[in-house]
Amino acid sequence: MPKELASGVLYVAEQYGAAAHLCACGCERKIRTPLGPTSWSLTEDENGPTLRPSVGNWQQDCKSHYIIQDGDVIECGRWSDEEIISGRMREQETAKVYFERKYGRKRGLERFWAWVRKFWR
């Protein structure tokens, strides 16, 4: 990623699973979005990039909320504090379900000991 970002450009570092851009509201804040199965997805076609789900800049003063679709920014309106909390809880649940399906329900130390036991069989 370049140190200075240009307005209206979505920068993507596929090898690092990350995208970055300046906030669409014009506040000039750098917005970084991790790409992956439990975060944002990026698709591209002849119309331009689409970044899903929406970008909610809840930690910024602007609290901007938008989708980047086919290279265009679609404003989604501000969320209330309750909507932000609910959205974050959905994100956590999505990640939990994804990792449980991928690795099972074992927690960190249990997974470690299961991994160690493989070498003693």
PDB file of N, CA and C in Angstrom:
ATOM      1  N   MET A   1       0.846  -1.181   0.000  1.00  0.00           N
ATOM      2  CA  MET A   1       0.000   0.000   0.000  1.00  0.00           C
ATOM      3  C   MET A   1       0.888   1.240   0.000  1.00  0.00           C
ATOM      4  N   PRO A   2       0.537   2.213  -0.806  1.00  0.00           N
ATOM      5  CA  PRO A   2       1.306   3.452  -0.753  1.00  0.00           C
ATOM      6  C   PRO A   2       1.041   4.202   0.552  1.00  0.00           C
ATOM      7  N   LYS A   3       1.994   4.989   0.955  1.00  0.00           N
ATOM      8  CA  LYS A   3       1.835   5.772   2.178  1.00  0.00           C
ATOM      9  C   LYS A   3       0.720   6.803   2.025  1.00  0.00           C
ATOM     10  N   GLU A   4       0.680   7.455   0.880  1.00  0.00           N
ATOM     11  CA  GLU A   4      -0.358   8.449   0.581  1.00  0.00           C
ATOM     12  C   GLU A   4      -1.368   7.801  -0.367  1.00  0.00           C
ATOM     13  N   LEU A   5      -2.646   7.868   0.003  1.00  0.00           N
ATOM     14  CA  LEU A   5      -3.702   7.302  -0.832  1.00  0.00           C
ATOM     15  C   LEU A   5      -4.399   8.417  -1.604  1.00  0.00           C
ATOM     16  N   ALA A   6      -4.775   8.113  -2.833  1.00  0.00           N
ATOM     17  CA  ALA A   6      -5.506   9.075  -3.656  1.00  0.00           C
ATOM     18  C   ALA A   6      -7.008   8.881  -3.449  1.00  0.00           C
ATOM     19  N   SER A   7      -7.730   9.956  -3.474  1.00  0.00           N
ATOM     20  CA  SER A   7      -9.185   9.906  -3.324  1.00  0.00           C
ATOM     21  C   SER A   7      -9.810   9.160  -4.506  1.00  0.00           C
ATOM     22  N   GLY A   8     -10.799   8.331  -4.223  1.00  0.00           N
ATOM     23  CA  GLY A   8     -11.519   7.620  -5.275  1.00  0.00           C
ATOM     24  C   GLY A   8     -10.834   6.376  -5.788  1.00  0.00           C
ATOM     25  N   VAL A   9      -9.760   5.941  -5.119  1.00  0.00           N
ATOM     26  CA  VAL A   9      -9.018   4.750  -5.554  1.00  0.00           C
ATOM     27  C   VAL A   9      -9.099   3.697  -4.457  1.00  0.00           C
ATOM     28  N   LEU A  10      -9.438   2.467  -4.843  1.00  0.00           N
ATOM     29  CA  LEU A  10      -9.423   1.335  -3.923  1.00  0.00           C
ATOM     30  C   LEU A  10      -8.131   0.568  -4.172  1.00  0.00           C
ATOM     31  N   TYR A  11      -7.261   0.541  -3.181  1.00  0.00           N
ATOM     32  CA  TYR A  11      -5.979  -0.154  -3.279  1.00  0.00           C
ATOM     33  C   TYR A  11      -6.152  -1.554  -2.716  1.00  0.00           C
ATOM     34  N   VAL A  12      -5.586  -2.540  -3.416  1.00  0.00           N
ATOM     35  CA  VAL A  12      -5.723  -3.927  -2.980  1.00  0.00           C
ATOM     36  C   VAL A  12      -4.355  -4.586  -2.965  1.00  0.00           C
ATOM     37  N   ALA A  13      -4.039  -5.227  -1.844  1.00  0.00           N
ATOM     38  CA  ALA A  13      -2.815  -6.029  -1.722  1.00  0.00           C
ATOM     39  C   ALA A  13      -3.271  -7.466  -1.506  1.00  0.00           C
ATOM     40  N   GLU A  14      -3.494  -8.180  -2.604  1.00  0.00           N
ATOM     41  CA  GLU A  14      -4.024  -9.546  -2.517  1.00  0.00           C
ATOM     42  C   GLU A  14      -3.128 -10.453  -1.690  1.00  0.00           C
ATOM     43  N   GLN A  15      -1.814 -10.309  -1.827  1.00  0.00           N
ATOM     44  CA  GLN A  15      -0.891 -11.180  -1.104  1.00  0.00           C
ATOM     45  C   GLN A  15      -0.997 -10.997   0.406  1.00  0.00           C
ATOM     46  N   TYR A  16      -1.499  -9.859   0.848  1.00  0.00           N
ATOM     47  CA  TYR A  16      -1.671  -9.605   2.283  1.00  0.00           C
ATOM     48  C   TYR A  16      -3.135  -9.664   2.711  1.00  0.00           C
ATOM     49  N   GLY A  17      -4.025  -9.924   1.766  1.00  0.00           N
ATOM     50  CA  GLY A  17      -5.437 -10.005   2.083  1.00  0.00           C
ATOM     51  C   GLY A  17      -5.979  -8.713   2.659  1.00  0.00           C
ATOM     52  N   ALA A  18      -5.689  -7.600   1.986  1.00  0.00           N
ATOM     53  CA  ALA A  18      -6.110  -6.306   2.520  1.00  0.00           C
ATOM     54  C   ALA A  18      -6.462  -5.339   1.394  1.00  0.00           C
ATOM     55  N   ALA A  19      -7.353  -4.429   1.718  1.00  0.00           N
ATOM     56  CA  ALA A  19      -7.695  -3.327   0.819  1.00  0.00           C
ATOM     57  C   ALA A  19      -7.664  -2.039   1.633  1.00  0.00           C
ATOM     58  N   ALA A  20      -7.469  -0.922   0.952  1.00  0.00           N
ATOM     59  CA  ALA A  20      -7.440   0.374   1.632  1.00  0.00           C
ATOM     60  C   ALA A  20      -7.957   1.441   0.679  1.00  0.00           C
ATOM     61  N   HIS A  21      -8.540   2.478   1.264  1.00  0.00           N
ATOM     62  CA  HIS A  21      -9.023   3.617   0.491  1.00  0.00           C
ATOM     63  C   HIS A  21      -9.234   4.790   1.450  1.00  0.00           C
ATOM     64  N   LEU A  22      -9.431   5.953   0.885  1.00  0.00           N
ATOM     65  CA  LEU A  22      -9.795   7.109   1.709  1.00  0.00           C
ATOM     66  C   LEU A  22     -11.304   7.071   1.907  1.00  0.00           C
ATOM     67  N   CYS A  23     -11.735   7.446   3.087  1.00  0.00           N
ATOM     68  CA  CYS A  23     -13.155   7.424   3.416  1.00  0.00           C
ATOM     69  C   CYS A  23     -13.958   8.134   2.332  1.00  0.00           C
ATOM     70  N   ALA A  24     -15.068   7.525   1.968  1.00  0.00           N
ATOM     71  CA  ALA A  24     -15.903   8.054   0.888  1.00  0.00           C
ATOM     72  C   ALA A  24     -16.605   9.352   1.249  1.00  0.00           C
ATOM     73  N   CYS A  25     -16.638   9.717   2.537  1.00  0.00           N
ATOM     74  CA  CYS A  25     -17.324  10.962   2.929  1.00  0.00           C
ATOM     75  C   CYS A  25     -16.477  12.184   2.615  1.00  0.00           C
ATOM     76  N   GLY A  26     -15.184  11.978   2.346  1.00  0.00           N
ATOM     77  CA  GLY A  26     -14.296  13.100   2.054  1.00  0.00           C
ATOM     78  C   GLY A  26     -13.480  13.566   3.240  1.00  0.00           C
ATOM     79  N   CYS A  27     -13.572  12.870   4.378  1.00  0.00           N
ATOM     80  CA  CYS A  27     -12.833  13.292   5.576  1.00  0.00           C
ATOM     81  C   CYS A  27     -11.338  12.987   5.488  1.00  0.00           C
ATOM     82  N   GLU A  28     -10.925  12.271   4.434  1.00  0.00           N
ATOM     83  CA  GLU A  28      -9.514  11.961   4.170  1.00  0.00           C
ATOM     84  C   GLU A  28      -8.925  10.897   5.102  1.00  0.00           C
ATOM     85  N   ARG A  29      -9.724  10.213   5.904  1.00  0.00           N
ATOM     86  CA  ARG A  29      -9.221   9.141   6.778  1.00  0.00           C
ATOM     87  C   ARG A  29      -8.920   7.905   5.949  1.00  0.00           C
ATOM     88  N   LYS A  30      -7.818   7.235   6.276  1.00  0.00           N
ATOM     89  CA  LYS A  30      -7.476   5.975   5.622  1.00  0.00           C
ATOM     90  C   LYS A  30      -8.358   4.872   6.208  1.00  0.00           C
ATOM     91  N   ILE A  31      -8.981   4.120   5.341  1.00  0.00           N
ATOM     92  CA  ILE A  31      -9.838   3.016   5.749  1.00  0.00           C
ATOM     93  C   ILE A  31      -9.202   1.733   5.241  1.00  0.00           C
ATOM     94  N   ARG A  32      -8.954   0.823   6.173  1.00  0.00           N
ATOM     95  CA  ARG A  32      -8.349  -0.462   5.818  1.00  0.00           C
ATOM     96  C   ARG A  32      -9.379  -1.561   6.051  1.00  0.00           C
ATOM     97  N   THR A  33      -9.514  -2.449   5.093  1.00  0.00           N
ATOM     98  CA  THR A  33     -10.457  -3.553   5.228  1.00  0.00           C
ATOM     99  C   THR A  33      -9.729  -4.858   4.946  1.00  0.00           C
ATOM    100  N   PRO A  34      -9.705  -5.767   5.922  1.00  0.00           N
ATOM    101  CA  PRO A  34      -9.116  -7.082   5.669  1.00  0.00           C
ATOM    102  C   PRO A  34     -10.022  -7.868   4.728  1.00  0.00           C
ATOM    103  N   LEU A  35      -9.415  -8.649   3.861  1.00  0.00           N
ATOM    104  CA  LEU A  35     -10.173  -9.480   2.924  1.00  0.00           C
ATOM    105  C   LEU A  35     -10.068 -10.928   3.362  1.00  0.00           C
ATOM    106  N   GLY A  36     -11.182 -11.625   3.390  1.00  0.00           N
ATOM    107  CA  GLY A  36     -11.150 -13.028   3.779  1.00  0.00           C
ATOM    108  C   GLY A  36     -12.536 -13.556   4.064  1.00  0.00           C
ATOM    109  N   PRO A  37     -12.615 -14.830   4.395  1.00  0.00           N
ATOM    110  CA  PRO A  37     -13.919 -15.472   4.560  1.00  0.00           C
ATOM    111  C   PRO A  37     -14.748 -14.941   5.718  1.00  0.00           C
ATOM    112  N   THR A  38     -14.133 -14.299   6.701  1.00  0.00           N
ATOM    113  CA  THR A  38     -14.900 -13.756   7.827  1.00  0.00           C
ATOM    114  C   THR A  38     -14.867 -12.232   7.856  1.00  0.00           C
ATOM    115  N   SER A  39     -14.403 -11.629   6.781  1.00  0.00           N
ATOM    116  CA  SER A  39     -14.362 -10.163   6.732  1.00  0.00           C
ATOM    117  C   SER A  39     -14.938  -9.704   5.397  1.00  0.00           C
ATOM    118  N   TRP A  40     -14.248  -8.863   4.659  1.00  0.00           N
ATOM    119  CA  TRP A  40     -14.772  -8.347   3.399  1.00  0.00           C
ATOM    120  C   TRP A  40     -14.385  -9.236   2.239  1.00  0.00           C
ATOM    121  N   SER A  41     -15.205  -9.200   1.203  1.00  0.00           N
ATOM    122  CA  SER A  41     -14.870  -9.878  -0.047  1.00  0.00           C
ATOM    123  C   SER A  41     -14.781  -8.825  -1.143  1.00  0.00           C
ATOM    124  N   LEU A  42     -13.923  -9.084  -2.092  1.00  0.00           N
ATOM    125  CA  LEU A  42     -13.698  -8.158  -3.193  1.00  0.00           C
ATOM    126  C   LEU A  42     -13.903  -8.906  -4.492  1.00  0.00           C
ATOM    127  N   THR A  43     -14.727  -8.343  -5.361  1.00  0.00           N
ATOM    128  CA  THR A  43     -14.878  -8.880  -6.712  1.00  0.00           C
ATOM    129  C   THR A  43     -14.654  -7.736  -7.681  1.00  0.00           C
ATOM    130  N   GLU A  44     -14.225  -8.099  -8.879  1.00  0.00           N
ATOM    131  CA  GLU A  44     -13.991  -7.089  -9.906  1.00  0.00           C
ATOM    132  C   GLU A  44     -14.576  -7.568 -11.216  1.00  0.00           C
ATOM    133  N   ASP A  45     -15.140  -6.638 -11.950  1.00  0.00           N
ATOM    134  CA  ASP A  45     -15.561  -6.923 -13.319  1.00  0.00           C
ATOM    135  C   ASP A  45     -15.314  -5.670 -14.150  1.00  0.00           C
ATOM    136  N   GLU A  46     -15.847  -5.650 -15.361  1.00  0.00           N
ATOM    137  CA  GLU A  46     -15.573  -4.519 -16.251  1.00  0.00           C
ATOM    138  C   GLU A  46     -16.117  -3.193 -15.719  1.00  0.00           C
ATOM    139  N   ASN A  47     -17.083  -3.248 -14.781  1.00  0.00           N
ATOM    140  CA  ASN A  47     -17.645  -2.024 -14.211  1.00  0.00           C
ATOM    141  C   ASN A  47     -16.829  -1.470 -13.057  1.00  0.00           C
ATOM    142  N   GLY A  48     -15.940  -2.287 -12.490  1.00  0.00           N
ATOM    143  CA  GLY A  48     -15.123  -1.844 -11.372  1.00  0.00           C
ATOM    144  C   GLY A  48     -15.237  -2.779 -10.189  1.00  0.00           C
ATOM    145  N   PRO A  49     -14.579  -2.438  -9.076  1.00  0.00           N
ATOM    146  CA  PRO A  49     -14.571  -3.319  -7.911  1.00  0.00           C
ATOM    147  C   PRO A  49     -15.849  -3.218  -7.081  1.00  0.00           C
ATOM    148  N   THR A  50     -16.185  -4.331  -6.424  1.00  0.00           N
ATOM    149  CA  THR A  50     -17.269  -4.374  -5.447  1.00  0.00           C
ATOM    150  C   THR A  50     -16.696  -4.918  -4.156  1.00  0.00           C
ATOM    151  N   LEU A  51     -16.902  -4.191  -3.074  1.00  0.00           N
ATOM    152  CA  LEU A  51     -16.412  -4.570  -1.746  1.00  0.00           C
ATOM    153  C   LEU A  51     -17.630  -4.795  -0.855  1.00  0.00           C
ATOM    154  N   ARG A  52     -17.740  -6.014  -0.332  1.00  0.00           N
ATOM    155  CA  ARG A  52     -18.887  -6.374   0.514  1.00  0.00           C
ATOM    156  C   ARG A  52     -18.403  -6.996   1.797  1.00  0.00           C
ATOM    157  N   PRO A  53     -19.066  -6.857   2.906  1.00  0.00           N
ATOM    158  CA  PRO A  53     -20.293  -6.089   3.104  1.00  0.00           C
ATOM    159  C   PRO A  53     -19.996  -4.597   3.123  1.00  0.00           C
ATOM    160  N   SER A  54     -20.912  -3.823   3.620  1.00  0.00           N
ATOM    161  CA  SER A  54     -20.744  -2.374   3.657  1.00  0.00           C
ATOM    162  C   SER A  54     -19.559  -1.997   4.554  1.00  0.00           C
ATOM    163  N   VAL A  55     -19.053  -0.802   4.320  1.00  0.00           N
ATOM    164  CA  VAL A  55     -17.973  -0.246   5.134  1.00  0.00           C
ATOM    165  C   VAL A  55     -18.617   0.716   6.129  1.00  0.00           C
ATOM    166  N   GLY A  56     -18.443   0.422   7.396  1.00  0.00           N
ATOM    167  CA  GLY A  56     -18.967   1.299   8.442  1.00  0.00           C
ATOM    168  C   GLY A  56     -17.809   1.849   9.250  1.00  0.00           C
ATOM    169  N   ASN A  57     -17.598   3.132   9.162  1.00  0.00           N
ATOM    170  CA  ASN A  57     -16.463   3.768   9.836  1.00  0.00           C
ATOM    171  C   ASN A  57     -16.862   4.220  11.233  1.00  0.00           C
ATOM    172  N   TRP A  58     -17.257   3.261  12.052  1.00  0.00           N
ATOM    173  CA  TRP A  58     -17.823   3.556  13.367  1.00  0.00           C
ATOM    174  C   TRP A  58     -16.820   4.202  14.313  1.00  0.00           C
ATOM    175  N   GLN A  59     -15.529   4.002  14.094  1.00  0.00           N
ATOM    176  CA  GLN A  59     -14.525   4.574  14.990  1.00  0.00           C
ATOM    177  C   GLN A  59     -14.059   5.954  14.532  1.00  0.00           C
ATOM    178  N   GLN A  60     -14.525   6.385  13.382  1.00  0.00           N
ATOM    179  CA  GLN A  60     -14.155   7.702  12.871  1.00  0.00           C
ATOM    180  C   GLN A  60     -15.222   8.718  13.277  1.00  0.00           C
ATOM    181  N   ASP A  61     -14.845   9.980  13.313  1.00  0.00           N
ATOM    182  CA  ASP A  61     -15.808  11.034  13.656  1.00  0.00           C
ATOM    183  C   ASP A  61     -16.971  11.088  12.674  1.00  0.00           C
ATOM    184  N   CYS A  62     -16.705  10.804  11.401  1.00  0.00           N
ATOM    185  CA  CYS A  62     -17.737  10.930  10.377  1.00  0.00           C
ATOM    186  C   CYS A  62     -18.807   9.834  10.471  1.00  0.00           C
ATOM    187  N   LYS A  63     -18.444   8.682  11.028  1.00  0.00           N
ATOM    188  CA  LYS A  63     -19.354   7.532  11.129  1.00  0.00           C
ATOM    189  C   LYS A  63     -19.986   7.192   9.768  1.00  0.00           C
ATOM    190  N   SER A  64     -19.217   7.389   8.703  1.00  0.00           N
ATOM    191  CA  SER A  64     -19.686   7.138   7.350  1.00  0.00           C
ATOM    192  C   SER A  64     -20.011   5.657   7.159  1.00  0.00           C
ATOM    193  N   HIS A  65     -20.990   5.379   6.296  1.00  0.00           N
ATOM    194  CA  HIS A  65     -21.433   4.004   6.048  1.00  0.00           C
ATOM    195  C   HIS A  65     -21.811   3.901   4.570  1.00  0.00           C
ATOM    196  N   TYR A  66     -21.139   2.995   3.849  1.00  0.00           N
ATOM    197  CA  TYR A  66     -21.345   2.906   2.406  1.00  0.00           C
ATOM    198  C   TYR A  66     -20.921   1.540   1.882  1.00  0.00           C
ATOM    199  N   ILE A  67     -21.332   1.284   0.650  1.00  0.00           N
ATOM    200  CA  ILE A  67     -20.916   0.091  -0.090  1.00  0.00           C
ATOM    201  C   ILE A  67     -20.154   0.582  -1.314  1.00  0.00           C
ATOM    202  N   ILE A  68     -19.114  -0.134  -1.680  1.00  0.00           N
ATOM    203  CA  ILE A  68     -18.434   0.114  -2.950  1.00  0.00           C
ATOM    204  C   ILE A  68     -18.927  -0.979  -3.892  1.00  0.00           C
ATOM    205  N   GLN A  69     -19.675  -0.568  -4.918  1.00  0.00           N
ATOM    206  CA  GLN A  69     -20.275  -1.537  -5.846  1.00  0.00           C
ATOM    207  C   GLN A  69     -20.030  -1.104  -7.277  1.00  0.00           C
ATOM    208  N   ASP A  70     -19.447  -1.992  -8.048  1.00  0.00           N
ATOM    209  CA  ASP A  70     -19.155  -1.720  -9.462  1.00  0.00           C
ATOM    210  C   ASP A  70     -18.403  -0.405  -9.631  1.00  0.00           C
ATOM    211  N   GLY A  71     -17.498  -0.125  -8.687  1.00  0.00           N
ATOM    212  CA  GLY A  71     -16.678   1.071  -8.767  1.00  0.00           C
ATOM    213  C   GLY A  71     -17.343   2.337  -8.267  1.00  0.00           C
ATOM    214  N   ASP A  72     -18.608   2.242  -7.852  1.00  0.00           N
ATOM    215  CA  ASP A  72     -19.332   3.404  -7.334  1.00  0.00           C
ATOM    216  C   ASP A  72     -19.515   3.283  -5.832  1.00  0.00           C
ATOM    217  N   VAL A  73     -19.639   4.419  -5.159  1.00  0.00           N
ATOM    218  CA  VAL A  73     -19.923   4.445  -3.724  1.00  0.00           C
ATOM    219  C   VAL A  73     -21.415   4.656  -3.545  1.00  0.00           C
ATOM    220  N   ILE A  74     -22.031   3.759  -2.785  1.00  0.00           N
ATOM    221  CA  ILE A  74     -23.459   3.865  -2.495  1.00  0.00           C
ATOM    222  C   ILE A  74     -23.592   4.154  -1.005  1.00  0.00           C
ATOM    223  N   GLU A  75     -24.079   5.336  -0.675  1.00  0.00           N
ATOM    224  CA  GLU A  75     -24.256   5.714   0.732  1.00  0.00           C
ATOM    225  C   GLU A  75     -25.348   4.858   1.359  1.00  0.00           C
ATOM    226  N   CYS A  76     -25.114   4.424   2.585  1.00  0.00           N
ATOM    227  CA  CYS A  76     -26.064   3.552   3.272  1.00  0.00           C
ATOM    228  C   CYS A  76     -26.693   4.205   4.501  1.00  0.00           C
ATOM    229  N   GLY A  77     -26.323   5.407   4.808  1.00  0.00           N
ATOM    230  CA  GLY A  77     -26.910   6.088   5.956  1.00  0.00           C
ATOM    231  C   GLY A  77     -26.254   5.695   7.268  1.00  0.00           C
ATOM    232  N   ARG A  78     -26.326   6.591   8.218  1.00  0.00           N
ATOM    233  CA  ARG A  78     -25.734   6.347   9.544  1.00  0.00           C
ATOM    234  C   ARG A  78     -26.488   5.270  10.291  1.00  0.00           C
ATOM    235  N   TRP A  79     -25.766   4.533  11.095  1.00  0.00           N
ATOM    236  CA  TRP A  79     -26.368   3.538  11.983  1.00  0.00           C
ATOM    237  C   TRP A  79     -26.417   4.117  13.395  1.00  0.00           C
ATOM    238  N   SER A  80     -27.416   3.696  14.136  1.00  0.00           N
ATOM    239  CA  SER A  80     -27.495   4.066  15.554  1.00  0.00           C
ATOM    240  C   SER A  80     -26.465   3.230  16.320  1.00  0.00           C
ATOM    241  N   ASP A  81     -26.209   3.604  17.559  1.00  0.00           N
ATOM    242  CA  ASP A  81     -25.294   2.820  18.399  1.00  0.00           C
ATOM    243  C   ASP A  81     -25.782   1.386  18.520  1.00  0.00           C
ATOM    244  N   GLU A  82     -27.087   1.190  18.618  1.00  0.00           N
ATOM    245  CA  GLU A  82     -27.651  -0.157  18.733  1.00  0.00           C
ATOM    246  C   GLU A  82     -27.399  -0.968  17.467  1.00  0.00           C
ATOM    247  N   GLU A  83     -27.551  -0.334  16.312  1.00  0.00           N
ATOM    248  CA  GLU A  83     -27.298  -1.033  15.050  1.00  0.00           C
ATOM    249  C   GLU A  83     -25.827  -1.409  14.921  1.00  0.00           C
ATOM    250  N   ILE A  84     -24.943  -0.531  15.364  1.00  0.00           N
ATOM    251  CA  ILE A  84     -23.507  -0.820  15.323  1.00  0.00           C
ATOM    252  C   ILE A  84     -23.192  -2.022  16.204  1.00  0.00           C
ATOM    253  N   ILE A  85     -23.713  -2.043  17.415  1.00  0.00           N
ATOM    254  CA  ILE A  85     -23.479  -3.170  18.337  1.00  0.00           C
ATOM    255  C   ILE A  85     -24.023  -4.454  17.734  1.00  0.00           C
ATOM    256  N   SER A  86     -25.227  -4.401  17.186  1.00  0.00           N
ATOM    257  CA  SER A  86     -25.840  -5.577  16.570  1.00  0.00           C
ATOM    258  C   SER A  86     -25.009  -6.067  15.380  1.00  0.00           C
ATOM    259  N   GLY A  87     -24.530  -5.143  14.553  1.00  0.00           N
ATOM    260  CA  GLY A  87     -23.694  -5.507  13.406  1.00  0.00           C
ATOM    261  C   GLY A  87     -22.399  -6.172  13.834  1.00  0.00           C
ATOM    262  N   ARG A  88     -21.779  -5.646  14.877  1.00  0.00           N
ATOM    263  CA  ARG A  88     -20.533  -6.239  15.384  1.00  0.00           C
ATOM    264  C   ARG A  88     -20.787  -7.632  15.952  1.00  0.00           C
ATOM    265  N   MET A  89     -21.918  -7.803  16.610  1.00  0.00           N
ATOM    266  CA  MET A  89     -22.255  -9.126  17.145  1.00  0.00           C
ATOM    267  C   MET A  89     -22.477 -10.131  16.011  1.00  0.00           C
ATOM    268  N   ARG A  90     -23.121  -9.690  14.924  1.00  0.00           N
ATOM    269  CA  ARG A  90     -23.308 -10.569  13.753  1.00  0.00           C
ATOM    270  C   ARG A  90     -21.962 -10.949  13.153  1.00  0.00           C
ATOM    271  N   GLU A  91     -21.046  -9.975  13.064  1.00  0.00           N
ATOM    272  CA  GLU A  91     -19.709 -10.266  12.537  1.00  0.00           C
ATOM    273  C   GLU A  91     -19.005 -11.312  13.388  1.00  0.00           C
ATOM    274  N   GLN A  92     -19.078 -11.165  14.710  1.00  0.00           N
ATOM    275  CA  GLN A  92     -18.440 -12.131  15.611  1.00  0.00           C
ATOM    276  C   GLN A  92     -19.066 -13.511  15.465  1.00  0.00           C
ATOM    277  N   GLU A  93     -20.380 -13.570  15.355  1.00  0.00           N
ATOM    278  CA  GLU A  93     -21.069 -14.851  15.206  1.00  0.00           C
ATOM    279  C   GLU A  93     -20.708 -15.507  13.875  1.00  0.00           C
ATOM    280  N   THR A  94     -20.628 -14.717  12.820  1.00  0.00           N
ATOM    281  CA  THR A  94     -20.232 -15.241  11.513  1.00  0.00           C
ATOM    282  C   THR A  94     -18.842 -15.857  11.588  1.00  0.00           C
ATOM    283  N   ALA A  95     -17.905 -15.156  12.222  1.00  0.00           N
ATOM    284  CA  ALA A  95     -16.539 -15.673  12.365  1.00  0.00           C
ATOM    285  C   ALA A  95     -16.528 -16.940  13.215  1.00  0.00           C
ATOM    286  N   LYS A  96     -17.270 -16.938  14.304  1.00  0.00           N
ATOM    287  CA  LYS A  96     -17.331 -18.109  15.180  1.00  0.00           C
ATOM    288  C   LYS A  96     -17.838 -19.331  14.416  1.00  0.00           C
ATOM    289  N   VAL A  97     -18.934 -19.173  13.685  1.00  0.00           N
ATOM    290  CA  VAL A  97     -19.503 -20.285  12.919  1.00  0.00           C
ATOM    291  C   VAL A  97     -18.512 -20.761  11.867  1.00  0.00           C
ATOM    292  N   TYR A  98     -17.877 -19.831  11.170  1.00  0.00           N
ATOM    293  CA  TYR A  98     -16.905 -20.198  10.137  1.00  0.00           C
ATOM    294  C   TYR A  98     -15.780 -21.045  10.724  1.00  0.00           C
ATOM    295  N   PHE A  99     -15.177 -20.587  11.820  1.00  0.00           N
ATOM    296  CA  PHE A  99     -14.036 -21.303  12.383  1.00  0.00           C
ATOM    297  C   PHE A  99     -14.447 -22.608  13.052  1.00  0.00           C
ATOM    298  N   GLU A 100     -15.643 -22.660  13.618  1.00  0.00           N
ATOM    299  CA  GLU A 100     -16.120 -23.925  14.185  1.00  0.00           C
ATOM    300  C   GLU A 100     -16.321 -24.951  13.080  1.00  0.00           C
ATOM    301  N   ARG A 101     -16.858 -24.539  11.952  1.00  0.00           N
ATOM    302  CA  ARG A 101     -17.038 -25.462  10.819  1.00  0.00           C
ATOM    303  C   ARG A 101     -15.689 -25.906  10.252  1.00  0.00           C
ATOM    304  N   LYS A 102     -14.765 -24.981  10.217  1.00  0.00           N
ATOM    305  CA  LYS A 102     -13.464 -25.293   9.626  1.00  0.00           C
ATOM    306  C   LYS A 102     -12.589 -26.134  10.553  1.00  0.00           C
ATOM    307  N   TYR A 103     -12.591 -25.818  11.846  1.00  0.00           N
ATOM    308  CA  TYR A 103     -11.668 -26.461  12.778  1.00  0.00           C
ATOM    309  C   TYR A 103     -12.347 -27.260  13.883  1.00  0.00           C
ATOM    310  N   GLY A 104     -13.656 -27.256  13.913  1.00  0.00           N
ATOM    311  CA  GLY A 104     -14.352 -27.935  15.000  1.00  0.00           C
ATOM    312  C   GLY A 104     -14.519 -27.000  16.177  1.00  0.00           C
ATOM    313  N   ARG A 105     -15.143 -27.506  17.225  1.00  0.00           N
ATOM    314  CA  ARG A 105     -15.471 -26.674  18.378  1.00  0.00           C
ATOM    315  C   ARG A 105     -14.350 -26.587  19.401  1.00  0.00           C
ATOM    316  N   LYS A 106     -13.250 -27.248  19.173  1.00  0.00           N
ATOM    317  CA  LYS A 106     -12.165 -27.219  20.152  1.00  0.00           C
ATOM    318  C   LYS A 106     -11.623 -25.810  20.319  1.00  0.00           C
ATOM    319  N   ARG A 107     -11.307 -25.455  21.506  1.00  0.00           N
ATOM    320  CA  ARG A 107     -10.740 -24.142  21.808  1.00  0.00           C
ATOM    321  C   ARG A 107      -9.218 -24.213  21.693  1.00  0.00           C
ATOM    322  N   GLY A 108      -8.566 -23.078  21.868  1.00  0.00           N
ATOM    323  CA  GLY A 108      -7.130 -22.946  21.627  1.00  0.00           C
ATOM    324  C   GLY A 108      -6.257 -24.017  22.251  1.00  0.00           C
ATOM    325  N   LEU A 109      -6.306 -24.186  23.582  1.00  0.00           N
ATOM    326  CA  LEU A 109      -5.442 -25.151  24.253  1.00  0.00           C
ATOM    327  C   LEU A 109      -5.802 -26.577  23.863  1.00  0.00           C
ATOM    328  N   GLU A 110      -7.089 -26.844  23.698  1.00  0.00           N
ATOM    329  CA  GLU A 110      -7.514 -28.179  23.269  1.00  0.00           C
ATOM    330  C   GLU A 110      -6.963 -28.499  21.886  1.00  0.00           C
ATOM    331  N   ARG A 111      -7.006 -27.520  20.971  1.00  0.00           N
ATOM    332  CA  ARG A 111      -6.465 -27.742  19.624  1.00  0.00           C
ATOM    333  C   ARG A 111      -4.967 -27.990  19.687  1.00  0.00           C
ATOM    334  N   PHE A 112      -4.277 -27.254  20.553  1.00  0.00           N
ATOM    335  CA  PHE A 112      -2.837 -27.425  20.686  1.00  0.00           C
ATOM    336  C   PHE A 112      -2.507 -28.840  21.139  1.00  0.00           C
ATOM    337  N   TRP A 113      -3.190 -29.336  22.193  1.00  0.00           N
ATOM    338  CA  TRP A 113      -2.906 -30.670  22.699  1.00  0.00           C
ATOM    339  C   TRP A 113      -3.297 -31.742  21.689  1.00  0.00           C
ATOM    340  N   ALA A 114      -4.349 -31.534  20.936  1.00  0.00           N
ATOM    341  CA  ALA A 114      -4.716 -32.483  19.880  1.00  0.00           C
ATOM    342  C   ALA A 114      -3.617 -32.532  18.822  1.00  0.00           C
ATOM    343  N   TRP A 115      -3.031 -31.381  18.503  1.00  0.00           N
ATOM    344  CA  TRP A 115      -1.953 -31.313  17.527  1.00  0.00           C
ATOM    345  C   TRP A 115      -0.723 -32.041  18.066  1.00  0.00           C
ATOM    346  N   VAL A 116      -0.373 -31.832  19.341  1.00  0.00           N
ATOM    347  CA  VAL A 116       0.784 -32.488  19.949  1.00  0.00           C
ATOM    348  C   VAL A 116       0.590 -34.015  19.951  1.00  0.00           C
ATOM    349  N   ARG A 117      -0.621 -34.476  20.300  1.00  0.00           N
ATOM    350  CA  ARG A 117      -0.897 -35.918  20.352  1.00  0.00           C
ATOM    351  C   ARG A 117      -0.701 -36.608  19.015  1.00  0.00           C
ATOM    352  N   LYS A 118      -0.888 -35.879  17.912  1.00  0.00           N
ATOM    353  CA  LYS A 118      -0.698 -36.486  16.596  1.00  0.00           C
ATOM    354  C   LYS A 118       0.711 -37.033  16.428  1.00  0.00           C
ATOM    355  N   PHE A 119       1.680 -36.397  17.071  1.00  0.00           N
ATOM    356  CA  PHE A 119       3.072 -36.806  16.908  1.00  0.00           C
ATOM    357  C   PHE A 119       3.445 -37.987  17.800  1.00  0.00           C
ATOM    358  N   TRP A 120       2.620 -38.355  18.760  1.00  0.00           N
ATOM    359  CA  TRP A 120       2.919 -39.444  19.684  1.00  0.00           C
ATOM    360  C   TRP A 120       2.178 -40.715  19.337  1.00  0.00           C
ATOM    361  N   ARG A 121       1.486 -40.748  18.252  1.00  0.00           N
ATOM    362  CA  ARG A 121       0.756 -41.963  17.836  1.00  0.00           C
ATOM    363  C   ARG A 121       1.638 -42.900  17.092  1.00  0.00           C
TER     364      ARG A 121
END
